[in-house]
Amino acid sequence: MVEQVRQDLLADHRRHLRRIEWVTPGVVWAMDGTQYDMGLSGKIYLCNMQDLGSRYKFLPLAGGYPVGELIAEHLSESIDRYGAPLVLKRDNEGTMNHLAVNEVLKEFFILPLNSPRDYAPYNGAIEESQRELKECLQEKLVLAMSNPQNHIAAYAQSAVNDLNHRIRPCLNDRTSCQVFFQAGIKPTFTRRKRREIYDSIMEKVERILSAMKQSGQTIRESAWRIAVESWLRSGGYIRPQIKTKVSPNFSSFLAHE
């Protein structure tokens, strides 16, 4: 894990080494915000949230730029409706890391997993989700009979509904809705279990930091990411896909931990 932290600090190099396959629904969600250009009507803001294991998209926030409290409320409502994930992936954008959002994570014992600073591709799955949402939203707005900006939330929700019922080869020709709501497939994490998982991950973080000859916030954040990924991998919730041309030492580490 120490070697992987060193690779993680070289973010661009690490991007070319591997990608992660999200296996189990309900374990990891991702959240991100983006702008959608409506031409002469100006730009709107979309706050998109998705379950990574099923690609199931939750109803987005659409309209003006939301403050942290609004994002926190949106997250809390989604948790109340669908249950709490174990991990929430997010970028280092200010509103996504607002105190109110962090309070929601603490309330439900959800582990935050932030992208490295200035490295949005780390949250690549939600970036792809944003692209899908924008394309589907554009198709609907082309057919709009009146000023769509007054009803942009309804159009965005309709786009999400269409995407959730799109057959996907990566889900064995099932829809995101079918996979996310499949009975018995999503694991349940009690508060006690979440605490045990957090303690286990923190133990890994401290082992990494004690073996490093460097210190600082960036290294601690990297160690946290690697430790969370290591736990998810050991539980079978993710599968790293390693590209063929990698360092033998790095490949060996991933194979045997």
C-alpha atoms as a PDB file:
ATOM      1  CA  MET A   1       0.000   0.000   0.000  1.00  0.00           C
ATOM      2  CA  VAL A   2       2.955   2.321   0.632  1.00  0.00           C
ATOM      3  CA  GLU A   3       4.119   1.818  -2.955  1.00  0.00           C
ATOM      4  CA  GLN A   4       0.594   2.450  -4.217  1.00  0.00           C
ATOM      5  CA  VAL A   5       0.446   5.715  -2.270  1.00  0.00           C
ATOM      6  CA  ARG A   6       3.637   6.801  -4.033  1.00  0.00           C
ATOM      7  CA  GLN A   7       1.994   5.936  -7.357  1.00  0.00           C
ATOM      8  CA  ASP A   8      -1.143   7.783  -6.295  1.00  0.00           C
ATOM      9  CA  LEU A   9       0.885  10.936  -5.763  1.00  0.00           C
ATOM     10  CA  LEU A  10       1.862  10.682  -9.420  1.00  0.00           C
ATOM     11  CA  ALA A  11      -1.767  10.953 -10.482  1.00  0.00           C
ATOM     12  CA  ASP A  12      -1.318  11.155 -14.241  1.00  0.00           C
ATOM     13  CA  HIS A  13       0.942   8.104 -14.225  1.00  0.00           C
ATOM     14  CA  ARG A  14      -1.498   6.214 -12.022  1.00  0.00           C
ATOM     15  CA  ARG A  15      -4.371   6.964 -14.375  1.00  0.00           C
ATOM     16  CA  HIS A  16      -2.601   4.994 -17.103  1.00  0.00           C
ATOM     17  CA  LEU A  17      -1.988   1.999 -14.865  1.00  0.00           C
ATOM     18  CA  ARG A  18      -5.495   0.903 -13.978  1.00  0.00           C
ATOM     19  CA  ARG A  19      -9.199   1.521 -13.865  1.00  0.00           C
ATOM     20  CA  ILE A  20     -11.745   0.315 -11.312  1.00  0.00           C
ATOM     21  CA  GLU A  21     -14.796  -1.819 -12.014  1.00  0.00           C
ATOM     22  CA  TRP A  22     -17.605  -1.178  -9.533  1.00  0.00           C
ATOM     23  CA  VAL A  23     -19.160  -4.544  -8.767  1.00  0.00           C
ATOM     24  CA  THR A  24     -21.788  -4.287  -6.031  1.00  0.00           C
ATOM     25  CA  PRO A  25     -24.808  -1.914  -5.991  1.00  0.00           C
ATOM     26  CA  GLY A  26     -25.506   0.138  -2.889  1.00  0.00           C
ATOM     27  CA  VAL A  27     -21.918   0.277  -1.599  1.00  0.00           C
ATOM     28  CA  VAL A  28     -20.421   3.321  -3.321  1.00  0.00           C
ATOM     29  CA  TRP A  29     -22.212   6.410  -4.580  1.00  0.00           C
ATOM     30  CA  ALA A  30     -20.637   9.263  -6.506  1.00  0.00           C
ATOM     31  CA  MET A  31     -21.692  12.906  -6.522  1.00  0.00           C
ATOM     32  CA  ASP A  32     -20.635  15.721  -8.808  1.00  0.00           C
ATOM     33  CA  GLY A  33     -21.831  19.027 -10.186  1.00  0.00           C
ATOM     34  CA  THR A  34     -21.657  20.411 -13.702  1.00  0.00           C
ATOM     35  CA  GLN A  35     -22.986  23.255 -15.827  1.00  0.00           C
ATOM     36  CA  TYR A  36     -25.247  22.834 -18.828  1.00  0.00           C
ATOM     37  CA  ASP A  37     -25.227  25.525 -21.493  1.00  0.00           C
ATOM     38  CA  MET A  38     -28.730  26.426 -22.674  1.00  0.00           C
ATOM     39  CA  GLY A  39     -27.562  28.954 -25.245  1.00  0.00           C
ATOM     40  CA  LEU A  40     -29.348  32.292 -25.095  1.00  0.00           C
ATOM     41  CA  SER A  41     -31.131  31.217 -21.915  1.00  0.00           C
ATOM     42  CA  GLY A  42     -27.803  31.009 -20.100  1.00  0.00           C
ATOM     43  CA  LYS A  43     -26.368  28.152 -18.058  1.00  0.00           C
ATOM     44  CA  ILE A  44     -27.952  25.916 -15.471  1.00  0.00           C
ATOM     45  CA  TYR A  45     -26.292  23.839 -12.786  1.00  0.00           C
ATOM     46  CA  LEU A  46     -26.810  20.087 -12.436  1.00  0.00           C
ATOM     47  CA  CYS A  47     -25.927  18.205  -9.253  1.00  0.00           C
ATOM     48  CA  ASN A  48     -25.814  14.560 -10.269  1.00  0.00           C
ATOM     49  CA  MET A  49     -25.615  11.557  -7.935  1.00  0.00           C
ATOM     50  CA  GLN A  50     -25.244   7.922  -8.967  1.00  0.00           C
ATOM     51  CA  ASP A  51     -24.830   4.460  -7.485  1.00  0.00           C
ATOM     52  CA  LEU A  52     -21.646   3.171  -9.111  1.00  0.00           C
ATOM     53  CA  GLY A  53     -22.354  -0.559  -8.940  1.00  0.00           C
ATOM     54  CA  SER A  54     -25.625  -0.289 -10.881  1.00  0.00           C
ATOM     55  CA  ARG A  55     -25.172   3.074 -12.683  1.00  0.00           C
ATOM     56  CA  TYR A  56     -28.526   4.016 -11.160  1.00  0.00           C
ATOM     57  CA  LYS A  57     -28.941   7.810 -11.155  1.00  0.00           C
ATOM     58  CA  PHE A  58     -30.874   9.566  -8.435  1.00  0.00           C
ATOM     59  CA  LEU A  59     -33.039  12.574  -9.191  1.00  0.00           C
ATOM     60  CA  PRO A  60     -30.673  15.507  -9.786  1.00  0.00           C
ATOM     61  CA  LEU A  61     -30.721  19.063  -8.556  1.00  0.00           C
ATOM     62  CA  ALA A  62     -31.219  21.367 -11.527  1.00  0.00           C
ATOM     63  CA  GLY A  63     -31.317  25.139 -11.749  1.00  0.00           C
ATOM     64  CA  GLY A  64     -29.179  27.769 -10.062  1.00  0.00           C
ATOM     65  CA  TYR A  65     -25.871  27.058  -8.363  1.00  0.00           C
ATOM     66  CA  PRO A  66     -26.811  25.289  -5.096  1.00  0.00           C
ATOM     67  CA  VAL A  67     -25.333  26.201  -1.735  1.00  0.00           C
ATOM     68  CA  GLY A  68     -23.847  23.518   0.489  1.00  0.00           C
ATOM     69  CA  GLU A  69     -26.941  23.277   2.661  1.00  0.00           C
ATOM     70  CA  LEU A  70     -29.101  22.493  -0.386  1.00  0.00           C
ATOM     71  CA  ILE A  71     -26.726  19.760  -1.540  1.00  0.00           C
ATOM     72  CA  ALA A  72     -26.708  18.327   1.983  1.00  0.00           C
ATOM     73  CA  GLU A  73     -30.510  18.301   2.039  1.00  0.00           C
ATOM     74  CA  HIS A  74     -30.606  16.616  -1.366  1.00  0.00           C
ATOM     75  CA  LEU A  75     -28.122  13.967  -0.199  1.00  0.00           C
ATOM     76  CA  SER A  76     -30.042  13.341   3.011  1.00  0.00           C
ATOM     77  CA  GLU A  77     -33.332  12.920   1.131  1.00  0.00           C
ATOM     78  CA  SER A  78     -31.723  10.417  -1.259  1.00  0.00           C
ATOM     79  CA  ILE A  79     -30.354   8.434   1.694  1.00  0.00           C
ATOM     80  CA  ASP A  80     -33.755   8.393   3.386  1.00  0.00           C
ATOM     81  CA  ARG A  81     -35.321   7.099   0.195  1.00  0.00           C
ATOM     82  CA  TYR A  82     -32.715   4.560  -0.971  1.00  0.00           C
ATOM     83  CA  GLY A  83     -30.624   3.762   2.095  1.00  0.00           C
ATOM     84  CA  ALA A  84     -27.117   4.941   2.928  1.00  0.00           C
ATOM     85  CA  PRO A  85     -24.099   3.827   0.902  1.00  0.00           C
ATOM     86  CA  LEU A  86     -20.893   2.884   2.654  1.00  0.00           C
ATOM     87  CA  VAL A  87     -18.761   5.305   0.615  1.00  0.00           C
ATOM     88  CA  LEU A  88     -19.447   8.586  -1.177  1.00  0.00           C
ATOM     89  CA  LYS A  89     -17.037   9.622  -3.937  1.00  0.00           C
ATOM     90  CA  ARG A  90     -16.827  13.334  -4.671  1.00  0.00           C
ATOM     91  CA  ASP A  91     -14.526  15.946  -6.114  1.00  0.00           C
ATOM     92  CA  ASN A  92     -12.750  18.534  -4.011  1.00  0.00           C
ATOM     93  CA  GLU A  93     -15.228  21.234  -5.055  1.00  0.00           C
ATOM     94  CA  GLY A  94     -16.185  23.523  -2.180  1.00  0.00           C
ATOM     95  CA  THR A  95     -19.931  22.884  -2.067  1.00  0.00           C
ATOM     96  CA  MET A  96     -19.441  19.120  -2.198  1.00  0.00           C
ATOM     97  CA  ASN A  97     -17.233  19.416   0.880  1.00  0.00           C
ATOM     98  CA  HIS A  98     -19.416  21.906   2.715  1.00  0.00           C
ATOM     99  CA  LEU A  99     -19.768  21.470   6.472  1.00  0.00           C
ATOM    100  CA  ALA A 100     -23.457  20.621   6.055  1.00  0.00           C
ATOM    101  CA  VAL A 101     -22.598  17.804   3.605  1.00  0.00           C
ATOM    102  CA  ASN A 102     -19.950  16.446   5.969  1.00  0.00           C
ATOM    103  CA  GLU A 103     -22.504  16.463   8.785  1.00  0.00           C
ATOM    104  CA  VAL A 104     -24.811  14.250   6.714  1.00  0.00           C
ATOM    105  CA  LEU A 105     -21.933  11.819   6.120  1.00  0.00           C
ATOM    106  CA  LYS A 106     -21.214  11.704   9.846  1.00  0.00           C
ATOM    107  CA  GLU A 107     -24.878  11.178  10.694  1.00  0.00           C
ATOM    108  CA  PHE A 108     -25.120   8.076   8.511  1.00  0.00           C
ATOM    109  CA  PHE A 109     -21.517   6.844   9.027  1.00  0.00           C
ATOM    110  CA  ILE A 110     -20.676   7.258   5.317  1.00  0.00           C
ATOM    111  CA  LEU A 111     -16.989   7.284   4.379  1.00  0.00           C
ATOM    112  CA  PRO A 112     -15.973  10.191   2.099  1.00  0.00           C
ATOM    113  CA  LEU A 113     -13.667   9.387  -0.802  1.00  0.00           C
ATOM    114  CA  ASN A 114     -12.414  12.600  -2.388  1.00  0.00           C
ATOM    115  CA  SER A 115     -10.613  12.905  -5.703  1.00  0.00           C
ATOM    116  CA  PRO A 116      -6.985  14.001  -5.574  1.00  0.00           C
ATOM    117  CA  ARG A 117      -6.683  17.751  -5.892  1.00  0.00           C
ATOM    118  CA  ASP A 118      -6.758  18.958  -9.512  1.00  0.00           C
ATOM    119  CA  TYR A 119      -7.453  15.412 -10.712  1.00  0.00           C
ATOM    120  CA  ALA A 120     -11.129  15.111 -11.652  1.00  0.00           C
ATOM    121  CA  PRO A 121     -10.621  11.871 -13.707  1.00  0.00           C
ATOM    122  CA  TYR A 122     -10.357   9.978 -10.394  1.00  0.00           C
ATOM    123  CA  ASN A 123     -14.135  10.320 -10.243  1.00  0.00           C
ATOM    124  CA  GLY A 124     -14.398   9.221 -13.863  1.00  0.00           C
ATOM    125  CA  ALA A 125     -17.574   7.160 -13.504  1.00  0.00           C
ATOM    126  CA  ILE A 126     -19.624  10.173 -12.461  1.00  0.00           C
ATOM    127  CA  GLU A 127     -17.929  12.252 -15.165  1.00  0.00           C
ATOM    128  CA  GLU A 128     -19.257   9.758 -17.708  1.00  0.00           C
ATOM    129  CA  SER A 129     -22.644   9.938 -16.006  1.00  0.00           C
ATOM    130  CA  GLN A 130     -22.634  13.716 -16.458  1.00  0.00           C
ATOM    131  CA  ARG A 131     -21.998  13.277 -20.170  1.00  0.00           C
ATOM    132  CA  GLU A 132     -24.924  10.859 -20.476  1.00  0.00           C
ATOM    133  CA  LEU A 133     -27.232  13.149 -18.555  1.00  0.00           C
ATOM    134  CA  LYS A 134     -26.356  16.185 -20.675  1.00  0.00           C
ATOM    135  CA  GLU A 135     -26.872  14.294 -23.929  1.00  0.00           C
ATOM    136  CA  CYS A 136     -30.239  12.914 -22.855  1.00  0.00           C
ATOM    137  CA  LEU A 137     -31.312  16.308 -21.503  1.00  0.00           C
ATOM    138  CA  GLN A 138     -30.366  17.960 -24.788  1.00  0.00           C
ATOM    139  CA  GLU A 139     -32.552  15.521 -26.719  1.00  0.00           C
ATOM    140  CA  LYS A 140     -35.530  16.416 -24.560  1.00  0.00           C
ATOM    141  CA  LEU A 141     -34.946  20.172 -24.715  1.00  0.00           C
ATOM    142  CA  VAL A 142     -34.859  20.075 -28.526  1.00  0.00           C
ATOM    143  CA  LEU A 143     -38.464  18.859 -28.451  1.00  0.00           C
ATOM    144  CA  ALA A 144     -39.583  21.321 -25.773  1.00  0.00           C
ATOM    145  CA  MET A 145     -42.700  23.262 -26.807  1.00  0.00           C
ATOM    146  CA  SER A 146     -42.187  26.262 -24.506  1.00  0.00           C
ATOM    147  CA  ASN A 147     -39.400  27.954 -22.561  1.00  0.00           C
ATOM    148  CA  PRO A 148     -37.751  24.872 -20.998  1.00  0.00           C
ATOM    149  CA  GLN A 149     -35.781  26.810 -18.406  1.00  0.00           C
ATOM    150  CA  ASN A 150     -38.941  27.298 -16.368  1.00  0.00           C
ATOM    151  CA  HIS A 151     -39.300  23.518 -16.105  1.00  0.00           C
ATOM    152  CA  ILE A 152     -35.671  22.408 -16.256  1.00  0.00           C
ATOM    153  CA  ALA A 153     -35.942  20.222 -13.132  1.00  0.00           C
ATOM    154  CA  ALA A 154     -38.760  18.195 -14.714  1.00  0.00           C
ATOM    155  CA  TYR A 155     -36.756  17.724 -17.936  1.00  0.00           C
ATOM    156  CA  ALA A 156     -33.663  16.660 -15.973  1.00  0.00           C
ATOM    157  CA  GLN A 157     -35.690  14.157 -13.953  1.00  0.00           C
ATOM    158  CA  SER A 158     -37.218  12.771 -17.133  1.00  0.00           C
ATOM    159  CA  ALA A 159     -33.733  12.350 -18.617  1.00  0.00           C
ATOM    160  CA  VAL A 160     -32.570  10.465 -15.516  1.00  0.00           C
ATOM    161  CA  ASN A 161     -35.626   8.197 -15.692  1.00  0.00           C
ATOM    162  CA  ASP A 162     -34.835   7.328 -19.315  1.00  0.00           C
ATOM    163  CA  LEU A 163     -31.201   6.561 -18.480  1.00  0.00           C
ATOM    164  CA  ASN A 164     -32.159   4.361 -15.542  1.00  0.00           C
ATOM    165  CA  HIS A 165     -34.261   2.234 -17.887  1.00  0.00           C
ATOM    166  CA  ARG A 166     -31.699   1.952 -20.683  1.00  0.00           C
ATOM    167  CA  ILE A 167     -30.412  -1.585 -21.302  1.00  0.00           C
ATOM    168  CA  ARG A 168     -26.661  -1.684 -20.678  1.00  0.00           C
ATOM    169  CA  PRO A 169     -24.244  -4.365 -21.929  1.00  0.00           C
ATOM    170  CA  CYS A 170     -22.005  -3.729 -18.897  1.00  0.00           C
ATOM    171  CA  LEU A 171     -24.915  -4.860 -16.688  1.00  0.00           C
ATOM    172  CA  ASN A 172     -25.466  -8.063 -18.689  1.00  0.00           C
ATOM    173  CA  ASP A 173     -28.186  -6.421 -20.787  1.00  0.00           C
ATOM    174  CA  ARG A 174     -30.154  -5.276 -17.769  1.00  0.00           C
ATOM    175  CA  THR A 175     -31.161  -1.755 -16.806  1.00  0.00           C
ATOM    176  CA  SER A 176     -29.739   0.216 -13.908  1.00  0.00           C
ATOM    177  CA  CYS A 177     -33.156   0.154 -12.281  1.00  0.00           C
ATOM    178  CA  GLN A 178     -33.309  -3.642 -12.423  1.00  0.00           C
ATOM    179  CA  VAL A 179     -29.852  -4.046 -10.904  1.00  0.00           C
ATOM    180  CA  PHE A 180     -30.209  -1.403  -8.180  1.00  0.00           C
ATOM    181  CA  PHE A 181     -33.553  -2.738  -6.935  1.00  0.00           C
ATOM    182  CA  GLN A 182     -32.745  -6.431  -7.315  1.00  0.00           C
ATOM    183  CA  ALA A 183     -33.709  -8.130  -4.072  1.00  0.00           C
ATOM    184  CA  GLY A 184     -30.877  -9.324  -1.841  1.00  0.00           C
ATOM    185  CA  ILE A 185     -28.030  -7.930  -3.915  1.00  0.00           C
ATOM    186  CA  LYS A 186     -27.216  -4.817  -1.864  1.00  0.00           C
ATOM    187  CA  PRO A 187     -25.288  -5.446   1.369  1.00  0.00           C
ATOM    188  CA  THR A 188     -26.449  -3.934   4.645  1.00  0.00           C
ATOM    189  CA  PHE A 189     -23.988  -2.105   6.872  1.00  0.00           C
ATOM    190  CA  THR A 190     -25.091  -1.511  10.441  1.00  0.00           C
ATOM    191  CA  ARG A 191     -23.670   1.425  12.388  1.00  0.00           C
ATOM    192  CA  ARG A 192     -21.513  -0.991  14.347  1.00  0.00           C
ATOM    193  CA  LYS A 193     -20.195  -2.582  11.143  1.00  0.00           C
ATOM    194  CA  ARG A 194     -19.489   0.827   9.640  1.00  0.00           C
ATOM    195  CA  ARG A 195     -17.461   1.724  12.729  1.00  0.00           C
ATOM    196  CA  GLU A 196     -15.478  -1.510  12.440  1.00  0.00           C
ATOM    197  CA  ILE A 197     -14.785  -0.777   8.776  1.00  0.00           C
ATOM    198  CA  TYR A 198     -13.653   2.759   9.582  1.00  0.00           C
ATOM    199  CA  ASP A 199     -11.305   1.501  12.312  1.00  0.00           C
ATOM    200  CA  SER A 200      -9.852  -1.110   9.948  1.00  0.00           C
ATOM    201  CA  ILE A 201      -9.239   1.491   7.245  1.00  0.00           C
ATOM    202  CA  MET A 202      -7.662   3.919   9.721  1.00  0.00           C
ATOM    203  CA  GLU A 203      -5.326   1.164  10.887  1.00  0.00           C
ATOM    204  CA  LYS A 204      -4.185   0.752   7.277  1.00  0.00           C
ATOM    205  CA  VAL A 205      -3.740   4.515   6.936  1.00  0.00           C
ATOM    206  CA  GLU A 206      -1.540   4.687  10.019  1.00  0.00           C
ATOM    207  CA  ARG A 207       0.584   1.756   8.800  1.00  0.00           C
ATOM    208  CA  ILE A 208       1.093   3.501   5.475  1.00  0.00           C
ATOM    209  CA  LEU A 209       2.025   6.802   7.100  1.00  0.00           C
ATOM    210  CA  SER A 210       4.440   5.174   9.525  1.00  0.00           C
ATOM    211  CA  ALA A 211       6.265   3.515   6.614  1.00  0.00           C
ATOM    212  CA  MET A 212       6.487   6.714   4.559  1.00  0.00           C
ATOM    213  CA  LYS A 213       9.431   9.049   4.954  1.00  0.00           C
ATOM    214  CA  GLN A 214       7.250  12.003   3.985  1.00  0.00           C
ATOM    215  CA  SER A 215       4.346  13.706   5.685  1.00  0.00           C
ATOM    216  CA  GLY A 216       1.652  16.255   4.952  1.00  0.00           C
ATOM    217  CA  GLN A 217      -2.022  16.555   4.110  1.00  0.00           C
ATOM    218  CA  THR A 218      -1.621  15.383   0.513  1.00  0.00           C
ATOM    219  CA  ILE A 219       0.060  12.149   1.591  1.00  0.00           C
ATOM    220  CA  ARG A 220      -2.554  11.523   4.305  1.00  0.00           C
ATOM    221  CA  GLU A 221      -5.361  12.021   1.762  1.00  0.00           C
ATOM    222  CA  SER A 222      -3.650   9.637  -0.647  1.00  0.00           C
ATOM    223  CA  ALA A 223      -3.169   7.042   2.098  1.00  0.00           C
ATOM    224  CA  TRP A 224      -6.874   7.298   2.953  1.00  0.00           C
ATOM    225  CA  ARG A 225      -7.873   6.723  -0.695  1.00  0.00           C
ATOM    226  CA  ILE A 226      -5.604   3.710  -1.032  1.00  0.00           C
ATOM    227  CA  ALA A 227      -6.773   2.209   2.274  1.00  0.00           C
ATOM    228  CA  VAL A 228     -10.460   2.616   1.330  1.00  0.00           C
ATOM    229  CA  GLU A 229      -9.849   1.064  -2.090  1.00  0.00           C
ATOM    230  CA  SER A 230      -7.894  -1.784  -0.468  1.00  0.00           C
ATOM    231  CA  TRP A 231     -10.812  -2.553   1.852  1.00  0.00           C
ATOM    232  CA  LEU A 232     -13.335  -2.429  -0.994  1.00  0.00           C
ATOM    233  CA  ARG A 233     -11.137  -4.715  -3.082  1.00  0.00           C
ATOM    234  CA  SER A 234     -10.694  -7.235  -0.241  1.00  0.00           C
ATOM    235  CA  GLY A 235     -14.475  -7.340   0.195  1.00  0.00           C
ATOM    236  CA  GLY A 236     -15.022  -7.992  -3.513  1.00  0.00           C
ATOM    237  CA  TYR A 237     -16.906  -4.732  -4.012  1.00  0.00           C
ATOM    238  CA  ILE A 238     -14.502  -3.447  -6.679  1.00  0.00           C
ATOM    239  CA  ARG A 239     -12.173  -5.034  -9.221  1.00  0.00           C
ATOM    240  CA  PRO A 240      -9.115  -3.071 -10.399  1.00  0.00           C
ATOM    241  CA  GLN A 241      -8.397  -3.574 -14.085  1.00  0.00           C
ATOM    242  CA  ILE A 242      -4.624  -3.426 -14.622  1.00  0.00           C
ATOM    243  CA  LYS A 243      -3.231  -2.367 -17.968  1.00  0.00           C
ATOM    244  CA  THR A 244      -0.587  -4.651 -19.418  1.00  0.00           C
ATOM    245  CA  LYS A 245       2.445  -2.349 -19.397  1.00  0.00           C
ATOM    246  CA  VAL A 246       3.022  -1.595 -15.733  1.00  0.00           C
ATOM    247  CA  SER A 247       5.868  -1.801 -13.284  1.00  0.00           C
ATOM    248  CA  PRO A 248       6.423  -5.453 -12.182  1.00  0.00           C
ATOM    249  CA  ASN A 249       6.603  -4.331  -8.555  1.00  0.00           C
ATOM    250  CA  PHE A 250       3.320  -2.432  -8.819  1.00  0.00           C
ATOM    251  CA  SER A 251       1.586  -5.353 -10.518  1.00  0.00           C
ATOM    252  CA  SER A 252       2.858  -7.765  -7.888  1.00  0.00           C
ATOM    253  CA  PHE A 253       1.610  -5.513  -5.100  1.00  0.00           C
ATOM    254  CA  LEU A 254      -1.899  -5.426  -6.511  1.00  0.00           C
ATOM    255  CA  ALA A 255      -1.934  -9.175  -7.002  1.00  0.00           C
ATOM    256  CA  HIS A 256      -0.807 -10.090  -3.511  1.00  0.00           C
ATOM    257  CA  GLU A 257      -1.310  -6.914  -1.403  1.00  0.00           C
END
